[in-house]
Amino acid sequence: MGWHFLIFPIRGVSFILPMALLVLLQVWLCRKENRWLGLILPVLLFLLSLVLTFAVAVGYFVTQGPTPHLGGPGHHGIFVVGRSLFELLFLGGKTFIFTNIPTIILGYIWFYHQRRP
């Protein structure tokens, strides 16, 4: 059997614990007197999602490896790989949607606390 059964709970806790702490921090910021403090985390996560989407898009088109036009297999460099626009839009859209899930959750918490009396 081995120790492999321990990996899944450790991975789960290492993912869920930071998310729970972010939610608790968001609730704490939303309960403050200044109502705009609750927008700090959603805005930061949205900006992070834009950076990650851009990085995935650039990384999809540009790769690193041997460049044959520089003199053979001994030379390494950065070169552009030909990809289709549909592939880029699909991958970029998917990345943008998945990285904005925490933004949506924290934004919902902010909206909920704004509606409370």
C-alpha atoms as a PDB file:
ATOM      1  CA  MET A   1       0.000   0.000   0.000  1.00  0.00           C
ATOM      2  CA  GLY A   2       2.719   2.460   0.849  1.00  0.00           C
ATOM      3  CA  TRP A   3       2.518   6.118   1.704  1.00  0.00           C
ATOM      4  CA  HIS A   4       0.754   7.234  -1.493  1.00  0.00           C
ATOM      5  CA  PHE A   5      -2.609   7.497   0.259  1.00  0.00           C
ATOM      6  CA  LEU A   6      -1.249  10.494   2.193  1.00  0.00           C
ATOM      7  CA  ILE A   7      -0.623  12.629  -0.911  1.00  0.00           C
ATOM      8  CA  PHE A   8      -4.260  13.414  -1.730  1.00  0.00           C
ATOM      9  CA  PRO A   9      -5.190  14.851   1.700  1.00  0.00           C
ATOM     10  CA  ILE A  10      -2.011  16.929   1.743  1.00  0.00           C
ATOM     11  CA  ARG A  11      -2.761  18.319  -1.708  1.00  0.00           C
ATOM     12  CA  GLY A  12      -6.336  19.052  -0.704  1.00  0.00           C
ATOM     13  CA  VAL A  13      -5.341  20.888   2.459  1.00  0.00           C
ATOM     14  CA  SER A  14      -2.606  22.807   0.658  1.00  0.00           C
ATOM     15  CA  PHE A  15      -5.221  24.075  -1.814  1.00  0.00           C
ATOM     16  CA  ILE A  16      -8.227  24.563   0.462  1.00  0.00           C
ATOM     17  CA  LEU A  17      -6.433  26.245   3.369  1.00  0.00           C
ATOM     18  CA  PRO A  18      -5.129  29.275   1.385  1.00  0.00           C
ATOM     19  CA  MET A  19      -8.522  29.663  -0.305  1.00  0.00           C
ATOM     20  CA  ALA A  20     -10.299  29.591   3.065  1.00  0.00           C
ATOM     21  CA  LEU A  21      -7.859  32.177   4.420  1.00  0.00           C
ATOM     22  CA  LEU A  22      -8.510  34.407   1.392  1.00  0.00           C
ATOM     23  CA  VAL A  23     -12.263  34.145   1.950  1.00  0.00           C
ATOM     24  CA  LEU A  24     -11.873  34.982   5.646  1.00  0.00           C
ATOM     25  CA  LEU A  25      -9.676  37.969   4.775  1.00  0.00           C
ATOM     26  CA  GLN A  26     -12.255  39.112   2.215  1.00  0.00           C
ATOM     27  CA  VAL A  27     -15.080  38.896   4.759  1.00  0.00           C
ATOM     28  CA  TRP A  28     -12.981  40.807   7.281  1.00  0.00           C
ATOM     29  CA  LEU A  29     -12.194  43.545   4.735  1.00  0.00           C
ATOM     30  CA  CYS A  30     -15.855  43.783   3.693  1.00  0.00           C
ATOM     31  CA  ARG A  31     -16.984  44.306   7.283  1.00  0.00           C
ATOM     32  CA  LYS A  32     -14.720  47.308   7.723  1.00  0.00           C
ATOM     33  CA  GLU A  33     -16.231  50.781   7.746  1.00  0.00           C
ATOM     34  CA  ASN A  34     -14.667  51.736   4.408  1.00  0.00           C
ATOM     35  CA  ARG A  35     -16.672  49.796   1.840  1.00  0.00           C
ATOM     36  CA  TRP A  36     -13.948  50.016  -0.816  1.00  0.00           C
ATOM     37  CA  LEU A  37     -11.525  47.881   1.204  1.00  0.00           C
ATOM     38  CA  GLY A  38     -13.511  44.826   0.141  1.00  0.00           C
ATOM     39  CA  LEU A  39     -12.542  45.433  -3.487  1.00  0.00           C
ATOM     40  CA  ILE A  40      -8.798  45.110  -2.887  1.00  0.00           C
ATOM     41  CA  LEU A  41      -8.595  41.330  -3.256  1.00  0.00           C
ATOM     42  CA  PRO A  42     -10.984  40.987  -6.240  1.00  0.00           C
ATOM     43  CA  VAL A  43      -9.125  43.729  -8.143  1.00  0.00           C
ATOM     44  CA  LEU A  44      -5.721  42.197  -7.356  1.00  0.00           C
ATOM     45  CA  LEU A  45      -6.902  38.754  -8.454  1.00  0.00           C
ATOM     46  CA  PHE A  46      -8.385  40.206 -11.645  1.00  0.00           C
ATOM     47  CA  LEU A  47      -5.082  41.904 -12.474  1.00  0.00           C
ATOM     48  CA  LEU A  48      -3.266  38.656 -11.739  1.00  0.00           C
ATOM     49  CA  SER A  49      -5.599  36.827 -14.115  1.00  0.00           C
ATOM     50  CA  LEU A  50      -4.781  39.338 -16.858  1.00  0.00           C
ATOM     51  CA  VAL A  51      -1.054  38.821 -16.295  1.00  0.00           C
ATOM     52  CA  LEU A  52      -1.444  35.027 -16.318  1.00  0.00           C
ATOM     53  CA  THR A  53      -3.559  35.121 -19.485  1.00  0.00           C
ATOM     54  CA  PHE A  54      -0.977  37.293 -21.220  1.00  0.00           C
ATOM     55  CA  ALA A  55       1.849  35.025 -20.039  1.00  0.00           C
ATOM     56  CA  VAL A  56       0.075  31.931 -21.349  1.00  0.00           C
ATOM     57  CA  ALA A  57      -0.591  33.622 -24.676  1.00  0.00           C
ATOM     58  CA  VAL A  58       3.024  34.717 -25.063  1.00  0.00           C
ATOM     59  CA  GLY A  59       4.305  31.343 -23.911  1.00  0.00           C
ATOM     60  CA  TYR A  60       2.052  29.633 -26.421  1.00  0.00           C
ATOM     61  CA  PHE A  61       3.504  31.522 -29.348  1.00  0.00           C
ATOM     62  CA  VAL A  62       7.087  31.796 -28.211  1.00  0.00           C
ATOM     63  CA  THR A  63       9.078  28.804 -27.097  1.00  0.00           C
ATOM     64  CA  GLN A  64      12.679  28.164 -26.233  1.00  0.00           C
ATOM     65  CA  GLY A  65      14.844  25.507 -27.792  1.00  0.00           C
ATOM     66  CA  PRO A  66      17.318  24.770 -30.528  1.00  0.00           C
ATOM     67  CA  THR A  67      17.108  27.200 -33.410  1.00  0.00           C
ATOM     68  CA  PRO A  68      18.241  25.664 -36.668  1.00  0.00           C
ATOM     69  CA  HIS A  69      18.634  29.023 -38.420  1.00  0.00           C
ATOM     70  CA  LEU A  70      21.348  30.094 -35.934  1.00  0.00           C
ATOM     71  CA  GLY A  71      23.784  27.400 -36.809  1.00  0.00           C
ATOM     72  CA  GLY A  72      22.524  23.998 -35.802  1.00  0.00           C
ATOM     73  CA  PRO A  73      21.601  22.044 -32.725  1.00  0.00           C
ATOM     74  CA  GLY A  74      24.268  23.577 -30.498  1.00  0.00           C
ATOM     75  CA  HIS A  75      22.662  27.020 -30.526  1.00  0.00           C
ATOM     76  CA  HIS A  76      19.676  27.794 -28.373  1.00  0.00           C
ATOM     77  CA  GLY A  77      17.423  30.783 -28.541  1.00  0.00           C
ATOM     78  CA  ILE A  78      13.871  32.011 -28.562  1.00  0.00           C
ATOM     79  CA  PHE A  79      11.766  31.610 -31.666  1.00  0.00           C
ATOM     80  CA  VAL A  80       8.154  32.014 -32.649  1.00  0.00           C
ATOM     81  CA  VAL A  81       6.113  28.903 -33.274  1.00  0.00           C
ATOM     82  CA  GLY A  82       3.324  29.185 -35.820  1.00  0.00           C
ATOM     83  CA  ARG A  83      -0.027  28.594 -34.119  1.00  0.00           C
ATOM     84  CA  SER A  84      -3.551  29.370 -35.213  1.00  0.00           C
ATOM     85  CA  LEU A  85      -5.535  32.298 -33.885  1.00  0.00           C
ATOM     86  CA  PHE A  86      -8.330  29.958 -32.808  1.00  0.00           C
ATOM     87  CA  GLU A  87      -5.934  27.982 -30.615  1.00  0.00           C
ATOM     88  CA  LEU A  88      -4.690  31.180 -29.004  1.00  0.00           C
ATOM     89  CA  LEU A  89      -8.192  32.509 -28.341  1.00  0.00           C
ATOM     90  CA  PHE A  90      -9.355  29.179 -26.953  1.00  0.00           C
ATOM     91  CA  LEU A  91      -6.384  28.782 -24.637  1.00  0.00           C
ATOM     92  CA  GLY A  92      -6.414  32.443 -23.593  1.00  0.00           C
ATOM     93  CA  GLY A  93     -10.161  32.395 -22.958  1.00  0.00           C
ATOM     94  CA  LYS A  94      -9.956  29.214 -20.948  1.00  0.00           C
ATOM     95  CA  THR A  95      -7.092  30.611 -18.869  1.00  0.00           C
ATOM     96  CA  PHE A  96      -8.940  33.887 -18.298  1.00  0.00           C
ATOM     97  CA  ILE A  97     -12.112  32.106 -17.167  1.00  0.00           C
ATOM     98  CA  PHE A  98     -10.378  29.668 -14.827  1.00  0.00           C
ATOM     99  CA  THR A  99      -8.139  32.283 -13.244  1.00  0.00           C
ATOM    100  CA  ASN A 100     -11.142  34.537 -12.576  1.00  0.00           C
ATOM    101  CA  ILE A 101     -13.087  31.982 -10.525  1.00  0.00           C
ATOM    102  CA  PRO A 102     -11.603  33.302  -7.252  1.00  0.00           C
ATOM    103  CA  THR A 103     -12.274  36.860  -8.455  1.00  0.00           C
ATOM    104  CA  ILE A 104     -15.953  36.015  -8.961  1.00  0.00           C
ATOM    105  CA  ILE A 105     -16.219  34.355  -5.538  1.00  0.00           C
ATOM    106  CA  LEU A 106     -14.587  37.265  -3.707  1.00  0.00           C
ATOM    107  CA  GLY A 107     -16.607  39.764  -5.751  1.00  0.00           C
ATOM    108  CA  TYR A 108     -19.793  37.966  -4.733  1.00  0.00           C
ATOM    109  CA  ILE A 109     -18.760  38.231  -1.081  1.00  0.00           C
ATOM    110  CA  TRP A 110     -18.248  41.982  -1.576  1.00  0.00           C
ATOM    111  CA  PHE A 111     -21.669  42.387  -3.244  1.00  0.00           C
ATOM    112  CA  TYR A 112     -23.304  40.373  -0.473  1.00  0.00           C
ATOM    113  CA  HIS A 113     -21.836  42.605   2.224  1.00  0.00           C
ATOM    114  CA  GLN A 114     -22.819  45.752   0.311  1.00  0.00           C
ATOM    115  CA  ARG A 115     -26.485  44.656   0.259  1.00  0.00           C
ATOM    116  CA  ARG A 116     -26.580  43.900   3.978  1.00  0.00           C
ATOM    117  CA  PRO A 117     -28.013  46.650   6.162  1.00  0.00           C
END
